[in-house]
N, C-alpha and C. Protein backbone atom coordinates (compact mmCIF):
# COMPACT_ATOMS: atom_id res chain seq x y z
N MET A 1 -62.30 59.47 59.77
CA MET A 1 -61.22 58.91 59.16
C MET A 1 -60.85 57.88 59.96
N ALA A 2 -59.92 56.74 59.63
CA ALA A 2 -59.45 55.82 60.87
C ALA A 2 -58.50 54.96 59.96
N LYS A 3 -57.36 54.71 60.72
CA LYS A 3 -56.67 53.45 60.76
C LYS A 3 -56.69 52.52 61.66
N ILE A 4 -57.08 51.13 61.23
CA ILE A 4 -56.89 50.00 62.04
C ILE A 4 -56.20 48.91 61.57
N THR A 5 -55.57 48.61 62.10
CA THR A 5 -54.13 47.21 61.55
C THR A 5 -54.17 45.83 62.55
N ARG A 6 -53.63 45.02 61.66
CA ARG A 6 -52.96 44.08 62.34
C ARG A 6 -51.93 43.82 62.21
N ASP A 7 -51.12 44.03 63.28
CA ASP A 7 -49.41 44.28 63.77
C ASP A 7 -49.08 42.37 63.86
N ALA A 8 -49.82 41.58 64.54
CA ALA A 8 -49.17 40.16 64.41
C ALA A 8 -50.10 39.55 63.80
N ALA A 9 -48.89 38.52 63.51
CA ALA A 9 -48.93 37.51 62.12
C ALA A 9 -50.62 36.67 62.32
N GLN A 10 -51.12 36.04 61.66
CA GLN A 10 -52.90 35.58 62.10
C GLN A 10 -52.74 34.42 60.95
N SER A 11 -52.61 33.30 61.70
CA SER A 11 -53.19 32.07 60.69
C SER A 11 -54.50 32.15 59.81
N ILE A 12 -54.38 31.98 58.94
CA ILE A 12 -55.81 32.17 57.85
C ILE A 12 -55.87 30.76 57.10
N PRO A 13 -56.88 29.70 57.71
CA PRO A 13 -56.77 28.66 57.19
C PRO A 13 -57.34 28.58 55.82
N ASP A 14 -57.19 27.21 55.11
CA ASP A 14 -57.63 27.32 53.70
C ASP A 14 -58.85 26.78 53.39
N SER A 15 -59.87 27.10 52.97
CA SER A 15 -60.98 26.98 52.41
C SER A 15 -62.16 27.63 53.92
N VAL A 16 -61.71 28.12 54.32
CA VAL A 16 -62.73 28.62 55.58
C VAL A 16 -62.38 30.20 55.88
N ALA A 17 -63.69 30.75 55.77
CA ALA A 17 -63.75 32.10 55.75
C ALA A 17 -62.98 32.29 57.27
N THR A 18 -62.52 33.75 57.24
CA THR A 18 -61.64 33.89 58.53
C THR A 18 -61.50 35.66 58.28
N THR A 19 -62.32 35.99 59.39
CA THR A 19 -62.22 37.40 60.47
C THR A 19 -60.87 37.83 60.58
N ILE A 20 -60.20 39.32 60.08
CA ILE A 20 -59.31 39.78 60.07
C ILE A 20 -59.51 40.14 61.30
N GLU A 21 -58.15 39.91 62.47
CA GLU A 21 -58.66 40.10 64.03
C GLU A 21 -57.63 41.15 64.06
N PHE A 22 -57.75 42.51 64.22
CA PHE A 22 -57.08 43.90 63.99
C PHE A 22 -57.05 43.55 65.60
N ASP A 23 -55.65 44.28 65.45
CA ASP A 23 -55.17 44.83 66.97
C ASP A 23 -54.49 46.05 67.73
N ASN A 24 -54.48 46.65 66.30
CA ASN A 24 -54.03 48.45 66.51
C ASN A 24 -55.03 49.58 66.05
N ILE A 25 -55.39 50.42 66.71
CA ILE A 25 -56.20 51.74 66.22
C ILE A 25 -55.25 52.72 66.36
N GLU A 26 -54.50 52.84 65.15
CA GLU A 26 -53.53 54.05 65.11
C GLU A 26 -54.37 55.52 65.19
N PHE A 27 -55.92 55.50 64.41
CA PHE A 27 -56.55 56.81 65.07
C PHE A 27 -58.01 56.08 64.56
N ALA A 28 -58.85 57.07 65.07
CA ALA A 28 -59.92 56.35 64.55
C ALA A 28 -61.27 57.78 64.88
N ASN A 29 -61.25 58.84 64.03
CA ASN A 29 -62.46 59.88 63.74
C ASN A 29 -63.52 59.41 63.05
N GLY A 30 -64.76 59.88 64.12
CA GLY A 30 -65.88 59.69 63.73
C GLY A 30 -65.83 57.80 63.24
N ILE A 31 -65.68 57.27 63.75
CA ILE A 31 -65.48 55.76 63.65
C ILE A 31 -65.61 55.35 64.97
N LYS A 32 -66.28 54.46 65.30
CA LYS A 32 -65.97 53.19 66.28
C LYS A 32 -65.40 51.81 65.71
N ALA A 33 -64.27 51.65 66.25
CA ALA A 33 -63.48 50.42 65.87
C ALA A 33 -63.35 49.55 66.78
N ASP A 34 -63.74 48.57 66.95
CA ASP A 34 -64.17 47.18 67.76
C ASP A 34 -62.82 46.35 67.49
N ILE A 35 -61.71 46.25 68.17
CA ILE A 35 -60.64 45.25 67.78
C ILE A 35 -60.63 44.27 69.25
N THR A 36 -61.61 43.87 69.69
CA THR A 36 -61.58 42.99 70.68
C THR A 36 -62.78 41.76 70.91
N GLY A 37 -64.12 41.94 69.32
CA GLY A 37 -65.23 41.02 69.88
C GLY A 37 -65.26 40.97 67.78
N ASN A 38 -65.64 42.14 67.47
CA ASN A 38 -66.27 41.62 66.30
C ASN A 38 -65.66 42.18 65.31
N TYR A 39 -64.24 43.00 65.56
CA TYR A 39 -63.31 43.51 64.68
C TYR A 39 -64.01 43.82 63.62
N SER A 40 -64.65 45.26 63.99
CA SER A 40 -65.50 45.68 62.74
C SER A 40 -65.22 47.56 63.13
N LEU A 41 -65.65 48.13 62.11
CA LEU A 41 -65.45 49.28 61.97
C LEU A 41 -67.13 49.71 61.82
N ASN A 42 -67.79 51.00 62.74
CA ASN A 42 -69.26 51.20 62.49
C ASN A 42 -68.71 52.83 62.74
N ILE A 43 -69.11 53.46 61.36
CA ILE A 43 -68.97 54.88 60.52
C ILE A 43 -70.43 55.76 61.44
N THR A 44 -69.65 56.27 62.44
CA THR A 44 -70.80 57.53 62.96
C THR A 44 -71.37 58.49 62.36
N LYS A 45 -70.58 58.97 61.53
CA LYS A 45 -70.74 60.08 60.79
C LYS A 45 -71.51 60.13 59.25
N SER A 46 -72.54 60.54 58.74
CA SER A 46 -72.54 60.28 57.53
C SER A 46 -71.92 61.07 56.66
N GLY A 47 -71.55 60.66 55.15
CA GLY A 47 -70.80 61.13 54.35
C GLY A 47 -70.63 59.69 53.37
N THR A 48 -69.48 60.25 52.79
CA THR A 48 -68.90 59.32 51.53
C THR A 48 -67.59 59.29 52.25
N TYR A 49 -67.14 57.16 52.12
CA TYR A 49 -66.38 57.15 52.78
C TYR A 49 -65.43 56.33 51.56
N LEU A 50 -64.05 56.25 51.90
CA LEU A 50 -63.31 55.02 50.87
C LEU A 50 -62.89 54.24 51.77
N VAL A 51 -63.26 52.86 51.64
CA VAL A 51 -62.18 51.94 52.52
C VAL A 51 -61.42 50.92 51.79
N SER A 52 -60.43 50.76 52.00
CA SER A 52 -59.17 50.02 51.58
C SER A 52 -58.72 49.27 52.01
N SER A 53 -57.83 47.99 51.70
CA SER A 53 -57.37 47.31 52.47
C SER A 53 -56.33 46.54 51.80
N SER A 54 -54.98 46.17 52.56
CA SER A 54 -53.96 45.30 51.84
C SER A 54 -53.84 44.52 52.55
N TRP A 55 -53.11 43.13 52.34
CA TRP A 55 -52.70 41.96 52.97
C TRP A 55 -51.43 41.42 52.06
N GLY A 56 -50.47 40.55 52.64
CA GLY A 56 -49.78 39.98 52.06
C GLY A 56 -49.72 38.15 52.77
N LEU A 57 -49.26 37.10 51.98
CA LEU A 57 -49.13 36.07 52.04
C LEU A 57 -47.97 35.58 52.35
N ALA A 58 -47.48 34.47 53.66
CA ALA A 58 -46.74 33.88 53.57
C ALA A 58 -45.96 32.81 52.89
N ALA A 59 -47.10 32.14 52.52
CA ALA A 59 -46.93 30.74 51.38
C ALA A 59 -47.36 31.55 50.21
N GLU A 60 -46.80 30.21 49.02
CA GLU A 60 -47.13 30.70 47.96
C GLU A 60 -48.45 30.58 47.53
N TYR A 61 -49.04 31.09 46.34
CA TYR A 61 -50.28 31.13 45.77
C TYR A 61 -50.01 30.35 44.90
N GLU A 62 -50.48 29.08 45.15
CA GLU A 62 -50.72 28.31 44.06
C GLU A 62 -51.44 28.44 42.84
N ASP A 63 -51.34 27.54 41.49
CA ASP A 63 -51.91 27.67 40.45
C ASP A 63 -53.04 27.30 40.85
N GLN A 64 -54.73 28.38 40.39
CA GLN A 64 -55.54 28.47 40.39
C GLN A 64 -56.46 28.48 41.91
N ASP A 65 -55.85 28.79 42.68
CA ASP A 65 -55.93 29.19 43.92
C ASP A 65 -57.02 30.43 43.95
N ARG A 66 -57.85 30.66 44.53
CA ARG A 66 -58.64 31.70 44.56
C ARG A 66 -59.03 32.30 46.25
N MET A 67 -58.64 33.63 45.98
CA MET A 67 -58.85 34.46 47.06
C MET A 67 -59.86 35.53 47.15
N PHE A 68 -60.66 35.76 48.43
CA PHE A 68 -61.94 36.22 48.57
C PHE A 68 -61.87 37.53 49.64
N ALA A 69 -62.24 38.53 49.40
CA ALA A 69 -62.77 39.69 50.35
C ALA A 69 -63.73 40.44 50.46
N TYR A 70 -64.30 39.96 52.01
CA TYR A 70 -65.66 40.15 51.84
C TYR A 70 -66.18 41.78 52.48
N ILE A 71 -66.85 42.55 52.62
CA ILE A 71 -67.67 43.56 53.28
C ILE A 71 -68.86 43.56 53.57
N MET A 72 -69.22 44.03 54.92
CA MET A 72 -70.73 44.57 54.54
C MET A 72 -70.90 46.02 55.20
N VAL A 73 -72.03 46.43 53.85
CA VAL A 73 -72.24 47.58 53.98
C VAL A 73 -73.91 48.07 54.69
N ASN A 74 -74.06 48.44 55.53
CA ASN A 74 -75.31 48.58 55.75
C ASN A 74 -76.36 47.15 55.67
N GLY A 75 -75.77 46.22 56.35
CA GLY A 75 -76.11 44.65 56.56
C GLY A 75 -75.96 44.16 55.10
N VAL A 76 -75.43 44.39 54.18
CA VAL A 76 -75.49 44.00 52.98
C VAL A 76 -73.99 43.36 52.34
N LEU A 77 -73.87 42.41 52.69
CA LEU A 77 -72.78 41.50 52.27
C LEU A 77 -72.09 41.88 50.92
N HIS A 78 -70.92 42.31 50.65
CA HIS A 78 -70.39 42.76 49.16
C HIS A 78 -68.80 41.92 49.33
N LYS A 79 -68.53 41.37 48.38
CA LYS A 79 -67.82 40.23 47.85
C LYS A 79 -66.46 40.49 46.75
N TRP A 80 -65.57 40.69 46.84
CA TRP A 80 -64.48 40.51 45.67
C TRP A 80 -63.87 39.53 45.59
N SER A 81 -62.90 39.09 44.46
CA SER A 81 -62.03 37.59 44.60
C SER A 81 -61.29 37.89 43.85
N SER A 82 -60.53 37.23 43.61
CA SER A 82 -59.00 36.89 42.69
C SER A 82 -58.80 35.32 42.26
N LYS A 83 -58.75 35.27 41.37
CA LYS A 83 -58.23 33.96 41.21
C LYS A 83 -57.10 34.01 40.43
N HIS A 84 -55.87 33.10 40.98
CA HIS A 84 -54.87 33.07 40.31
C HIS A 84 -54.08 31.93 39.41
N SER A 85 -53.47 32.66 38.54
CA SER A 85 -53.25 31.54 37.26
C SER A 85 -51.64 31.36 36.89
N SER A 86 -50.87 31.08 37.02
CA SER A 86 -49.62 31.04 36.41
C SER A 86 -49.43 31.19 35.05
N ALA A 87 -48.34 31.85 34.54
CA ALA A 87 -48.01 32.04 33.38
C ALA A 87 -47.71 30.51 32.76
N SER A 88 -47.55 29.90 33.28
CA SER A 88 -47.77 28.37 32.62
C SER A 88 -48.69 27.93 32.27
N ALA A 89 -49.93 28.39 32.73
CA ALA A 89 -51.13 28.07 32.29
C ALA A 89 -51.52 28.80 31.77
N GLY A 90 -50.71 30.02 30.91
CA GLY A 90 -51.42 30.81 29.72
C GLY A 90 -52.05 31.81 30.23
N THR A 91 -52.55 32.16 31.48
CA THR A 91 -53.07 33.39 32.03
C THR A 91 -52.51 34.00 32.92
N PRO A 92 -51.39 35.00 32.80
CA PRO A 92 -50.79 35.31 33.91
C PRO A 92 -51.55 36.46 34.74
């Protein structure tokens, strides 16, 4: 179990894949956390894990903007995406 956070604001440029640069390890039991180079988690105990994340944006999320989140599991890239449409476009 681990909780790794980014406490300082980080600029996320438009149209560029950007790694969240974690800067705080609250706890990491059975997990090696890298907050100085790869900004990654290496699970060292076998088992089933739930990985969750959350983030906020300071700027407005405009009509038809798309956001992606990526995670690597055993060298395999997994992607989640979200496309925003305003209520005025007919799809809230």
